[in-house]
Amino acid sequence: MKDLCIGAYPEVDLPVVAGLSRRWPGSSAACEYRPWSRPRRQSPRPPPRAPPPPPPAPRRAGTAACGKPAWQPPSAAFPLVWTPLYGLIALAGARALDRSEGPERAAFARGYALNLALNAGWTALFFGARKPGAALAEIAALNVSNLVLLRRAARTDRPAGAALAPYVAWTLFATALNGAIVGLNRGR
């Protein structure tokens, strides 16, 4: 867009190219570029705003929003308990397998594998699928497996059986906790 030069002769206006200053011949008035007299350019439009995120999905039982009993340990306690428990489970399994032979060893190995699968299945049901009712039924089967495994390990090697005892006790506690969570969240 061209600006108009406003000089000494109001009846004569000269167009000015941006930034140039010119004088009208024979006049002392300067015709200068005046940015305040120039129409402003429109700034580019900002990009359209992103649509708002969808509302969060409703929380299901098994998450932090579900009802929990007052006697539930803090979240930080679980890794502190499970880390040594898994170490003891591995130690007991290794000792029992090293000290057994033949069909006894094969039976222990099958029971040990089933127990570990049930242990992982409870975690998947309770935390992954968020189905505390199904997890309660599954942990009942895990408790039976724990007792069978404990008996077999103790028969083969007493220290192996002793190493499994804290795991059996903690799983019984977890069963009580799971049952309490199911009871507190029946209406949800």
N, C-alpha and C. Protein backbone atom coordinates (compact mmCIF):
# COMPACT_ATOMS: atom_id res chain seq x y z
N MET A 1 0.84 -1.18 0.00
CA MET A 1 0.00 0.00 0.00
C MET A 1 0.88 1.23 0.00
N LYS A 2 0.49 2.23 -0.73
CA LYS A 2 1.30 3.44 -0.83
C LYS A 2 0.88 4.42 0.24
N ASP A 3 1.88 5.13 0.78
CA ASP A 3 1.61 6.22 1.71
C ASP A 3 1.61 7.51 0.91
N LEU A 4 0.97 8.49 1.47
CA LEU A 4 0.97 9.78 0.79
C LEU A 4 1.97 10.69 1.49
N CYS A 5 2.67 11.47 0.69
CA CYS A 5 3.63 12.41 1.24
C CYS A 5 2.90 13.70 1.52
N ILE A 6 3.01 14.13 2.76
CA ILE A 6 2.36 15.38 3.14
C ILE A 6 3.46 16.42 3.23
N GLY A 7 3.47 17.37 2.34
CA GLY A 7 4.56 18.33 2.28
C GLY A 7 4.10 19.76 2.48
N ALA A 8 4.92 20.68 1.98
CA ALA A 8 4.65 22.11 2.12
C ALA A 8 3.50 22.55 1.25
N TYR A 9 3.22 21.76 0.24
CA TYR A 9 2.12 22.10 -0.64
C TYR A 9 0.97 21.14 -0.39
N PRO A 10 -0.01 21.54 0.39
CA PRO A 10 -1.08 20.62 0.72
C PRO A 10 -1.86 20.15 -0.50
N GLU A 11 -1.85 20.98 -1.59
CA GLU A 11 -2.60 20.56 -2.73
C GLU A 11 -1.87 19.52 -3.56
N VAL A 12 -0.57 19.26 -3.28
CA VAL A 12 0.20 18.28 -4.04
C VAL A 12 0.72 17.23 -3.07
N ASP A 13 0.33 16.02 -3.27
CA ASP A 13 0.82 14.91 -2.44
C ASP A 13 1.58 13.95 -3.32
N LEU A 14 2.73 13.54 -2.87
CA LEU A 14 3.54 12.60 -3.61
C LEU A 14 3.47 11.22 -2.94
N PRO A 15 3.35 10.20 -3.75
CA PRO A 15 3.42 8.87 -3.14
C PRO A 15 4.85 8.57 -2.70
N VAL A 16 4.97 7.92 -1.60
CA VAL A 16 6.28 7.60 -1.06
C VAL A 16 6.39 6.09 -0.94
N VAL A 17 7.53 5.59 -1.41
CA VAL A 17 7.81 4.18 -1.25
C VAL A 17 8.39 4.01 0.14
N ALA A 18 8.03 2.96 0.80
CA ALA A 18 8.40 2.75 2.20
C ALA A 18 9.86 3.06 2.46
N GLY A 19 10.10 3.95 3.43
CA GLY A 19 11.44 4.25 3.90
C GLY A 19 12.16 5.34 3.13
N LEU A 20 11.62 5.85 2.05
CA LEU A 20 12.31 6.88 1.29
C LEU A 20 11.84 8.26 1.68
N SER A 21 12.75 9.19 1.63
CA SER A 21 12.40 10.57 1.93
C SER A 21 12.68 11.38 0.66
N ARG A 22 11.72 12.21 0.28
CA ARG A 22 11.90 13.01 -0.93
C ARG A 22 11.51 14.44 -0.67
N ARG A 23 12.07 15.30 -1.42
CA ARG A 23 11.69 16.72 -1.34
C ARG A 23 11.00 17.11 -2.66
N TRP A 24 10.03 17.97 -2.49
CA TRP A 24 9.36 18.52 -3.68
C TRP A 24 10.29 19.57 -4.27
N PRO A 25 10.45 19.50 -5.57
CA PRO A 25 11.39 20.47 -6.15
C PRO A 25 10.99 21.91 -5.83
N GLY A 26 11.98 22.65 -5.35
CA GLY A 26 11.75 24.05 -5.02
C GLY A 26 11.11 24.27 -3.68
N SER A 27 10.98 23.27 -2.88
CA SER A 27 10.36 23.48 -1.58
C SER A 27 11.31 23.06 -0.48
N SER A 28 11.08 23.58 0.67
CA SER A 28 11.94 23.21 1.79
C SER A 28 11.29 22.13 2.65
N ALA A 29 10.07 21.81 2.37
CA ALA A 29 9.38 20.81 3.19
C ALA A 29 9.81 19.40 2.78
N ALA A 30 10.01 18.56 3.75
CA ALA A 30 10.43 17.18 3.47
C ALA A 30 9.21 16.28 3.41
N CYS A 31 9.28 15.39 2.48
CA CYS A 31 8.23 14.38 2.41
C CYS A 31 8.86 13.09 2.92
N GLU A 32 8.44 12.66 4.07
CA GLU A 32 9.08 11.51 4.71
C GLU A 32 8.10 10.37 4.92
N TYR A 33 8.72 9.23 5.11
CA TYR A 33 7.94 8.04 5.45
C TYR A 33 7.52 8.17 6.90
N ARG A 34 6.25 8.09 7.13
CA ARG A 34 5.72 8.20 8.48
C ARG A 34 4.95 6.94 8.81
N PRO A 35 5.54 6.06 9.66
CA PRO A 35 4.89 4.79 9.93
C PRO A 35 3.54 4.94 10.62
N TRP A 36 3.32 6.00 11.38
CA TRP A 36 2.04 6.17 12.05
C TRP A 36 0.92 6.51 11.11
N SER A 37 1.27 6.98 9.89
CA SER A 37 0.22 7.32 8.94
C SER A 37 -0.10 6.16 8.01
N ARG A 38 0.65 5.11 8.11
CA ARG A 38 0.49 3.97 7.23
C ARG A 38 -0.50 2.97 7.84
N PRO A 39 -1.37 2.42 7.03
CA PRO A 39 -2.30 1.43 7.59
C PRO A 39 -1.52 0.20 8.09
N ARG A 40 -1.95 -0.31 9.17
CA ARG A 40 -1.28 -1.47 9.76
C ARG A 40 -1.63 -2.74 9.01
N ARG A 41 -0.64 -3.60 8.95
CA ARG A 41 -0.88 -4.91 8.36
C ARG A 41 -1.59 -5.77 9.39
N GLN A 42 -2.42 -6.60 8.88
CA GLN A 42 -3.08 -7.54 9.80
C GLN A 42 -2.10 -8.66 10.10
N SER A 43 -1.99 -8.96 11.40
CA SER A 43 -1.11 -10.07 11.76
C SER A 43 -1.79 -11.37 11.37
N PRO A 44 -0.98 -12.37 11.09
CA PRO A 44 -1.60 -13.64 10.70
C PRO A 44 -2.44 -14.20 11.85
N ARG A 45 -3.48 -14.85 11.47
CA ARG A 45 -4.37 -15.42 12.49
C ARG A 45 -3.66 -16.54 13.22
N PRO A 46 -3.90 -16.62 14.53
CA PRO A 46 -3.31 -17.75 15.25
C PRO A 46 -3.96 -19.05 14.80
N PRO A 47 -3.23 -20.13 14.92
CA PRO A 47 -3.82 -21.40 14.50
C PRO A 47 -5.04 -21.72 15.37
N PRO A 48 -5.98 -22.43 14.81
CA PRO A 48 -7.17 -22.74 15.61
C PRO A 48 -6.79 -23.58 16.82
N ARG A 49 -7.50 -23.37 17.87
CA ARG A 49 -7.24 -24.12 19.10
C ARG A 49 -7.63 -25.59 18.91
N ALA A 50 -6.86 -26.43 19.59
CA ALA A 50 -7.18 -27.85 19.55
C ALA A 50 -8.46 -28.09 20.34
N PRO A 51 -9.23 -29.07 19.94
CA PRO A 51 -10.46 -29.33 20.69
C PRO A 51 -10.10 -29.80 22.11
N PRO A 52 -10.98 -29.55 23.05
CA PRO A 52 -10.68 -29.97 24.43
C PRO A 52 -10.58 -31.49 24.52
N PRO A 53 -9.77 -31.98 25.46
CA PRO A 53 -9.64 -33.44 25.58
C PRO A 53 -10.96 -34.05 26.05
N PRO A 54 -11.18 -35.31 25.71
CA PRO A 54 -12.42 -35.95 26.16
C PRO A 54 -12.42 -36.10 27.68
N PRO A 55 -13.57 -36.19 28.27
CA PRO A 55 -13.62 -36.35 29.73
C PRO A 55 -13.00 -37.69 30.11
N PRO A 56 -12.42 -37.75 31.30
CA PRO A 56 -11.80 -39.02 31.70
C PRO A 56 -12.84 -40.12 31.84
N ALA A 57 -12.38 -41.34 31.57
CA ALA A 57 -13.27 -42.49 31.70
C ALA A 57 -13.58 -42.70 33.17
N PRO A 58 -14.76 -43.20 33.46
CA PRO A 58 -15.07 -43.44 34.87
C PRO A 58 -14.11 -44.47 35.45
N ARG A 59 -13.72 -44.27 36.69
CA ARG A 59 -12.79 -45.17 37.34
C ARG A 59 -13.53 -46.40 37.82
N ARG A 60 -12.85 -47.52 37.72
CA ARG A 60 -13.44 -48.77 38.15
C ARG A 60 -12.77 -49.24 39.44
N ALA A 61 -13.38 -50.21 40.08
CA ALA A 61 -12.81 -50.75 41.30
C ALA A 61 -11.43 -51.31 41.00
N GLY A 62 -10.56 -51.30 41.99
CA GLY A 62 -9.21 -51.78 41.81
C GLY A 62 -8.24 -50.65 41.56
N THR A 63 -8.72 -49.44 41.48
CA THR A 63 -7.85 -48.29 41.28
C THR A 63 -7.81 -47.49 42.57
N ALA A 64 -7.11 -46.37 42.50
CA ALA A 64 -6.96 -45.54 43.69
C ALA A 64 -8.31 -44.97 44.14
N ALA A 65 -9.30 -44.92 43.26
CA ALA A 65 -10.58 -44.32 43.61
C ALA A 65 -11.51 -45.29 44.34
N CYS A 66 -11.16 -46.56 44.42
CA CYS A 66 -12.06 -47.52 45.04
C CYS A 66 -11.96 -47.45 46.56
N GLY A 67 -12.98 -47.99 47.23
CA GLY A 67 -12.98 -48.02 48.67
C GLY A 67 -11.96 -49.02 49.18
N LYS A 68 -11.19 -48.62 50.16
CA LYS A 68 -10.15 -49.48 50.72
C LYS A 68 -10.33 -49.55 52.22
N PRO A 69 -9.97 -50.67 52.82
CA PRO A 69 -10.06 -50.75 54.28
C PRO A 69 -9.00 -49.88 54.94
N ALA A 70 -9.28 -49.45 56.16
CA ALA A 70 -8.35 -48.58 56.88
C ALA A 70 -7.04 -49.28 57.19
N TRP A 71 -7.04 -50.60 57.26
CA TRP A 71 -5.85 -51.35 57.62
C TRP A 71 -4.97 -51.71 56.43
N GLN A 72 -5.29 -51.18 55.25
CA GLN A 72 -4.45 -51.44 54.08
C GLN A 72 -3.12 -50.71 54.25
N PRO A 73 -2.01 -51.40 54.00
CA PRO A 73 -0.70 -50.72 54.10
C PRO A 73 -0.58 -49.64 53.03
N PRO A 74 0.32 -48.68 53.25
CA PRO A 74 0.53 -47.65 52.22
C PRO A 74 1.13 -48.27 50.95
N SER A 75 0.94 -47.61 49.85
CA SER A 75 1.41 -48.12 48.55
C SER A 75 2.91 -48.41 48.55
N ALA A 76 3.67 -47.61 49.27
CA ALA A 76 5.13 -47.80 49.29
C ALA A 76 5.53 -49.11 49.95
N ALA A 77 4.66 -49.71 50.75
CA ALA A 77 5.00 -50.96 51.43
C ALA A 77 5.04 -52.15 50.48
N PHE A 78 4.25 -52.12 49.43
CA PHE A 78 4.14 -53.29 48.55
C PHE A 78 5.45 -53.65 47.85
N PRO A 79 6.16 -52.70 47.21
CA PRO A 79 7.44 -53.12 46.62
C PRO A 79 8.46 -53.52 47.67
N LEU A 80 8.37 -52.92 48.85
CA LEU A 80 9.31 -53.29 49.92
C LEU A 80 9.06 -54.71 50.41
N VAL A 81 7.82 -55.18 50.32
CA VAL A 81 7.50 -56.54 50.74
C VAL A 81 7.75 -57.53 49.60
N TRP A 82 7.29 -57.20 48.40
CA TRP A 82 7.36 -58.17 47.30
C TRP A 82 8.77 -58.44 46.81
N THR A 83 9.65 -57.48 46.89
CA THR A 83 11.02 -57.72 46.41
C THR A 83 11.69 -58.86 47.18
N PRO A 84 11.73 -58.81 48.52
CA PRO A 84 12.33 -59.95 49.21
C PRO A 84 11.50 -61.24 49.09
N LEU A 85 10.17 -61.10 48.98
CA LEU A 85 9.36 -62.31 48.83
C LEU A 85 9.70 -63.05 47.54
N TYR A 86 9.87 -62.31 46.44
CA TYR A 86 10.24 -62.98 45.19
C TYR A 86 11.63 -63.60 45.30
N GLY A 87 12.52 -62.95 46.02
CA GLY A 87 13.84 -63.55 46.25
C GLY A 87 13.73 -64.85 47.02
N LEU A 88 12.86 -64.87 48.06
CA LEU A 88 12.66 -66.09 48.84
C LEU A 88 11.99 -67.19 48.02
N ILE A 89 11.05 -66.81 47.16
CA ILE A 89 10.39 -67.79 46.29
C ILE A 89 11.43 -68.44 45.37
N ALA A 90 12.31 -67.62 44.80
CA ALA A 90 13.35 -68.15 43.91
C ALA A 90 14.32 -69.06 44.69
N LEU A 91 14.71 -68.63 45.87
CA LEU A 91 15.62 -69.44 46.69
C LEU A 91 14.99 -70.77 47.06
N ALA A 92 13.73 -70.74 47.51
CA ALA A 92 13.04 -71.98 47.88
C ALA A 92 12.89 -72.91 46.68
N GLY A 93 12.53 -72.35 45.53
CA GLY A 93 12.39 -73.18 44.32
C GLY A 93 13.71 -73.82 43.92
N ALA A 94 14.78 -73.03 43.96
CA ALA A 94 16.09 -73.57 43.57
C ALA A 94 16.54 -74.67 44.53
N ARG A 95 16.35 -74.44 45.84
CA ARG A 95 16.77 -75.46 46.83
C ARG A 95 15.95 -76.74 46.68
N ALA A 96 14.65 -76.59 46.52
CA ALA A 96 13.79 -77.77 46.42
C ALA A 96 14.07 -78.55 45.13
N LEU A 97 14.29 -77.85 44.04
CA LEU A 97 14.58 -78.54 42.78
C LEU A 97 15.95 -79.22 42.82
N ASP A 98 16.93 -78.58 43.47
CA ASP A 98 18.27 -79.20 43.57
C ASP A 98 18.27 -80.45 44.44
N ARG A 99 17.38 -80.51 45.41
CA ARG A 99 17.40 -81.61 46.37
C ARG A 99 16.36 -82.69 46.09
N SER A 100 15.67 -82.58 44.99
CA SER A 100 14.67 -83.60 44.66
C SER A 100 15.05 -84.28 43.36
N GLU A 101 14.47 -85.46 43.14
CA GLU A 101 14.78 -86.24 41.94
C GLU A 101 13.52 -86.91 41.40
N GLY A 102 13.59 -87.26 40.15
CA GLY A 102 12.55 -88.08 39.53
C GLY A 102 11.17 -87.45 39.56
N PRO A 103 10.13 -88.28 39.88
CA PRO A 103 8.75 -87.80 39.86
C PRO A 103 8.49 -86.71 40.91
N GLU A 104 9.21 -86.77 42.02
CA GLU A 104 9.04 -85.74 43.06
C GLU A 104 9.50 -84.38 42.52
N ARG A 105 10.61 -84.38 41.83
CA ARG A 105 11.14 -83.15 41.24
C ARG A 105 10.19 -82.62 40.17
N ALA A 106 9.68 -83.50 39.31
CA ALA A 106 8.74 -83.09 38.25
C ALA A 106 7.46 -82.52 38.84
N ALA A 107 6.95 -83.14 39.91
CA ALA A 107 5.73 -82.65 40.56
C ALA A 107 5.97 -81.27 41.17
N PHE A 108 7.14 -81.10 41.82
CA PHE A 108 7.45 -79.79 42.40
C PHE A 108 7.57 -78.74 41.30
N ALA A 109 8.24 -79.07 40.21
CA ALA A 109 8.43 -78.12 39.11
C ALA A 109 7.08 -77.69 38.52
N ARG A 110 6.17 -78.66 38.34
CA ARG A 110 4.83 -78.30 37.82
C ARG A 110 4.09 -77.41 38.82
N GLY A 111 4.13 -77.76 40.09
CA GLY A 111 3.46 -76.95 41.11
C GLY A 111 4.05 -75.56 41.23
N TYR A 112 5.37 -75.48 41.11
CA TYR A 112 6.07 -74.19 41.17
C TYR A 112 5.66 -73.31 39.99
N ALA A 113 5.63 -73.87 38.80
CA ALA A 113 5.24 -73.12 37.60
C ALA A 113 3.78 -72.66 37.70
N LEU A 114 2.92 -73.56 38.18
CA LEU A 114 1.51 -73.19 38.35
C LEU A 114 1.37 -72.06 39.36
N ASN A 115 2.12 -72.14 40.44
CA ASN A 115 2.05 -71.12 41.48
C ASN A 115 2.48 -69.75 40.94
N LEU A 116 3.56 -69.73 40.20
CA LEU A 116 4.02 -68.46 39.62
C LEU A 116 3.01 -67.91 38.62
N ALA A 117 2.38 -68.78 37.84
CA ALA A 117 1.35 -68.34 36.89
C ALA A 117 0.14 -67.77 37.63
N LEU A 118 -0.27 -68.42 38.72
CA LEU A 118 -1.39 -67.91 39.50
C LEU A 118 -1.04 -66.57 40.15
N ASN A 119 0.19 -66.44 40.60
CA ASN A 119 0.64 -65.18 41.19
C ASN A 119 0.55 -64.05 40.17
N ALA A 120 1.05 -64.29 38.97
CA ALA A 120 0.98 -63.28 37.92
C ALA A 120 -0.46 -63.03 37.48
N GLY A 121 -1.28 -64.08 37.47
CA GLY A 121 -2.68 -63.93 37.09
C GLY A 121 -3.46 -63.05 38.05
N TRP A 122 -3.17 -63.17 39.34
CA TRP A 122 -3.86 -62.31 40.32
C TRP A 122 -3.55 -60.85 40.05
N THR A 123 -2.28 -60.56 39.80
CA THR A 123 -1.88 -59.17 39.52
C THR A 123 -2.59 -58.65 38.27
N ALA A 124 -2.66 -59.48 37.25
CA ALA A 124 -3.32 -59.06 36.00
C ALA A 124 -4.82 -58.83 36.22
N LEU A 125 -5.45 -59.67 37.00
CA LEU A 125 -6.90 -59.50 37.24
C LEU A 125 -7.18 -58.30 38.13
N PHE A 126 -6.44 -58.15 39.20
CA PHE A 126 -6.75 -57.10 40.16
C PHE A 126 -6.35 -55.73 39.63
N PHE A 127 -5.12 -55.60 39.17
CA PHE A 127 -4.63 -54.29 38.73
C PHE A 127 -4.85 -54.04 37.24
N GLY A 128 -4.63 -55.05 36.40
CA GLY A 128 -4.78 -54.85 34.96
C GLY A 128 -6.22 -54.79 34.52
N ALA A 129 -6.99 -55.83 34.83
CA ALA A 129 -8.39 -55.88 34.41
C ALA A 129 -9.31 -55.14 35.39
N ARG A 130 -8.79 -54.82 36.57
CA ARG A 130 -9.56 -54.12 37.62
C ARG A 130 -10.83 -54.87 37.97
N LYS A 131 -10.64 -56.15 38.20
CA LYS A 131 -11.76 -57.02 38.57
C LYS A 131 -11.44 -57.68 39.91
N PRO A 132 -11.68 -56.96 41.01
CA PRO A 132 -11.32 -57.52 42.32
C PRO A 132 -12.11 -58.78 42.67
N GLY A 133 -13.33 -58.92 42.17
CA GLY A 133 -14.12 -60.13 42.44
C GLY A 133 -13.48 -61.36 41.81
N ALA A 134 -13.10 -61.24 40.56
CA ALA A 134 -12.43 -62.35 39.87
C ALA A 134 -11.06 -62.60 40.49
N ALA A 135 -10.39 -61.53 40.90
CA ALA A 135 -9.07 -61.69 41.54
C ALA A 135 -9.20 -62.41 42.87
N LEU A 136 -10.31 -62.20 43.58
CA LEU A 136 -10.52 -62.89 44.86
C LEU A 136 -10.67 -64.39 44.64
N ALA A 137 -11.40 -64.78 43.62
CA ALA A 137 -11.53 -66.21 43.31
C ALA A 137 -10.18 -66.79 42.89
N GLU A 138 -9.42 -66.02 42.14
CA GLU A 138 -8.12 -66.49 41.67
C GLU A 138 -7.13 -66.61 42.84
N ILE A 139 -7.17 -65.67 43.77
CA ILE A 139 -6.22 -65.73 44.89
C ILE A 139 -6.56 -66.88 45.84
N ALA A 140 -7.81 -67.29 45.85
CA ALA A 140 -8.17 -68.48 46.64
C ALA A 140 -7.46 -69.71 46.06
N ALA A 141 -7.44 -69.82 44.73
CA ALA A 141 -6.71 -70.91 44.08
C ALA A 141 -5.21 -70.77 44.33
N LEU A 142 -4.70 -69.54 44.36
CA LEU A 142 -3.29 -69.31 44.65
C LEU A 142 -2.95 -69.78 46.06
N ASN A 143 -3.84 -69.55 47.01
CA ASN A 143 -3.59 -69.99 48.39
C ASN A 143 -3.50 -71.51 48.48
N VAL A 144 -4.36 -72.20 47.78
CA VAL A 144 -4.29 -73.67 47.76
C VAL A 144 -2.96 -74.10 47.15
N SER A 145 -2.57 -73.47 46.04
CA SER A 145 -1.30 -73.78 45.39
C SER A 145 -0.13 -73.49 46.34
N ASN A 146 -0.21 -72.40 47.09
CA ASN A 146 0.85 -72.06 48.04
C ASN A 146 1.03 -73.15 49.09
N LEU A 147 -0.08 -73.61 49.62
CA LEU A 147 0.00 -74.63 50.68
C LEU A 147 0.58 -75.95 50.13
N VAL A 148 0.17 -76.34 48.93
CA VAL A 148 0.71 -77.56 48.31
C VAL A 148 2.21 -77.38 48.05
N LEU A 149 2.58 -76.22 47.53
CA LEU A 149 3.99 -75.95 47.25
C LEU A 149 4.82 -75.93 48.53
N LEU A 150 4.28 -75.30 49.56
CA LEU A 150 4.97 -75.25 50.86
C LEU A 150 5.20 -76.66 51.41
N ARG A 151 4.17 -77.50 51.34
CA ARG A 151 4.29 -78.87 51.84
C ARG A 151 5.34 -79.67 51.05
N ARG A 152 5.31 -79.54 49.73
CA ARG A 152 6.28 -80.27 48.90
C ARG A 152 7.71 -79.77 49.16
N ALA A 153 7.86 -78.45 49.26
CA ALA A 153 9.20 -77.89 49.49
C ALA A 153 9.74 -78.32 50.86
N ALA A 154 8.89 -78.26 51.89
CA ALA A 154 9.33 -78.63 53.23
C ALA A 154 9.69 -80.11 53.32
N ARG A 155 8.96 -80.95 52.58
CA ARG A 155 9.26 -82.38 52.57
C ARG A 155 10.62 -82.66 51.93
N THR A 156 10.95 -81.88 50.91
CA THR A 156 12.22 -82.06 50.20
C THR A 156 13.37 -81.40 50.97
N ASP A 157 13.15 -80.17 51.46
CA ASP A 157 14.21 -79.40 52.10
C ASP A 157 13.57 -78.41 53.08
N ARG A 158 13.81 -78.60 54.37
CA ARG A 158 13.18 -77.75 55.39
C ARG A 158 13.47 -76.26 55.18
N PRO A 159 14.72 -75.85 54.91
CA PRO A 159 14.95 -74.41 54.67
C PRO A 159 14.16 -73.88 53.47
N ALA A 160 13.95 -74.69 52.46
CA ALA A 160 13.13 -74.26 51.32
C ALA A 160 11.70 -74.02 51.76
N GLY A 161 11.17 -74.90 52.59
CA GLY A 161 9.82 -74.70 53.12
C GLY A 161 9.74 -73.45 53.99
N ALA A 162 10.77 -73.24 54.82
CA ALA A 162 10.81 -72.04 55.67
C ALA A 162 10.88 -70.77 54.83
N ALA A 163 11.59 -70.83 53.71
CA ALA A 163 11.70 -69.66 52.83
C ALA A 163 10.35 -69.31 52.19
N LEU A 164 9.49 -70.30 51.99
CA LEU A 164 8.17 -70.04 51.38
C LEU A 164 7.14 -69.55 52.40
N ALA A 165 7.39 -69.75 53.67
CA ALA A 165 6.40 -69.38 54.70
C ALA A 165 6.00 -67.90 54.66
N PRO A 166 6.94 -66.94 54.53
CA PRO A 166 6.51 -65.53 54.45
C PRO A 166 5.62 -65.24 53.24
N TYR A 167 5.90 -65.91 52.13
CA TYR A 167 5.08 -65.75 50.92
C TYR A 167 3.66 -66.24 51.17
N VAL A 168 3.54 -67.39 51.80
CA VAL A 168 2.22 -67.95 52.12
C VAL A 168 1.47 -67.00 53.05
N ALA A 169 2.16 -66.49 54.07
CA ALA A 169 1.52 -65.57 55.02
C ALA A 169 1.08 -64.28 54.34
N TRP A 170 1.93 -63.71 53.49
CA TRP A 170 1.58 -62.46 52.82
C TRP A 170 0.41 -62.66 51.86
N THR A 171 0.38 -63.79 51.19
CA THR A 171 -0.72 -64.06 50.27
C THR A 171 -2.04 -64.23 51.02
N LEU A 172 -1.99 -64.80 52.21
CA LEU A 172 -3.21 -64.89 53.03
C LEU A 172 -3.67 -63.48 53.43
N PHE A 173 -2.72 -62.62 53.78
CA PHE A 173 -3.06 -61.22 54.09
C PHE A 173 -3.65 -60.53 52.86
N ALA A 174 -3.03 -60.77 51.70
CA ALA A 174 -3.55 -60.16 50.46
C ALA A 174 -4.95 -60.65 50.15
N THR A 175 -5.25 -61.91 50.50
CA THR A 175 -6.59 -62.46 50.29
C THR A 175 -7.60 -61.71 51.16
N ALA A 176 -7.24 -61.48 52.41
CA ALA A 176 -8.13 -60.73 53.31
C ALA A 176 -8.33 -59.30 52.80
N LEU A 177 -7.26 -58.69 52.34
CA LEU A 177 -7.35 -57.32 51.81
C LEU A 177 -8.20 -57.29 50.55
N ASN A 178 -8.00 -58.24 49.66
CA ASN A 178 -8.80 -58.34 48.43
C ASN A 178 -10.28 -58.53 48.77
N GLY A 179 -10.57 -59.41 49.73
CA GLY A 179 -11.96 -59.62 50.15
C GLY A 179 -12.59 -58.36 50.73
N ALA A 180 -11.82 -57.62 51.53
CA ALA A 180 -12.34 -56.37 52.10
C ALA A 180 -12.63 -55.34 51.01
N ILE A 181 -11.77 -55.26 50.01
CA ILE A 181 -11.99 -54.32 48.90
C ILE A 181 -13.23 -54.69 48.11
N VAL A 182 -13.43 -55.99 47.89
CA VAL A 182 -14.64 -56.45 47.21
C VAL A 182 -15.87 -56.06 48.02
N GLY A 183 -15.82 -56.29 49.33
CA GLY A 183 -16.95 -55.96 50.19
C GLY A 183 -17.27 -54.47 50.22
N LEU A 184 -16.24 -53.64 50.25
CA LEU A 184 -16.45 -52.18 50.31
C LEU A 184 -16.93 -51.61 48.99
N ASN A 185 -16.75 -52.33 47.91
CA ASN A 185 -17.08 -51.79 46.58
C ASN A 185 -18.21 -52.56 45.91
N ARG A 186 -19.03 -53.23 46.67
CA ARG A 186 -20.14 -54.00 46.07
C ARG A 186 -21.10 -53.15 45.26
N GLY A 187 -21.44 -51.97 45.72
CA GLY A 187 -22.42 -51.13 45.03
C GLY A 187 -21.85 -50.32 43.89
N ARG A 188 -20.59 -50.39 43.65
CA ARG A 188 -19.97 -49.53 42.61
C ARG A 188 -19.99 -50.18 41.26
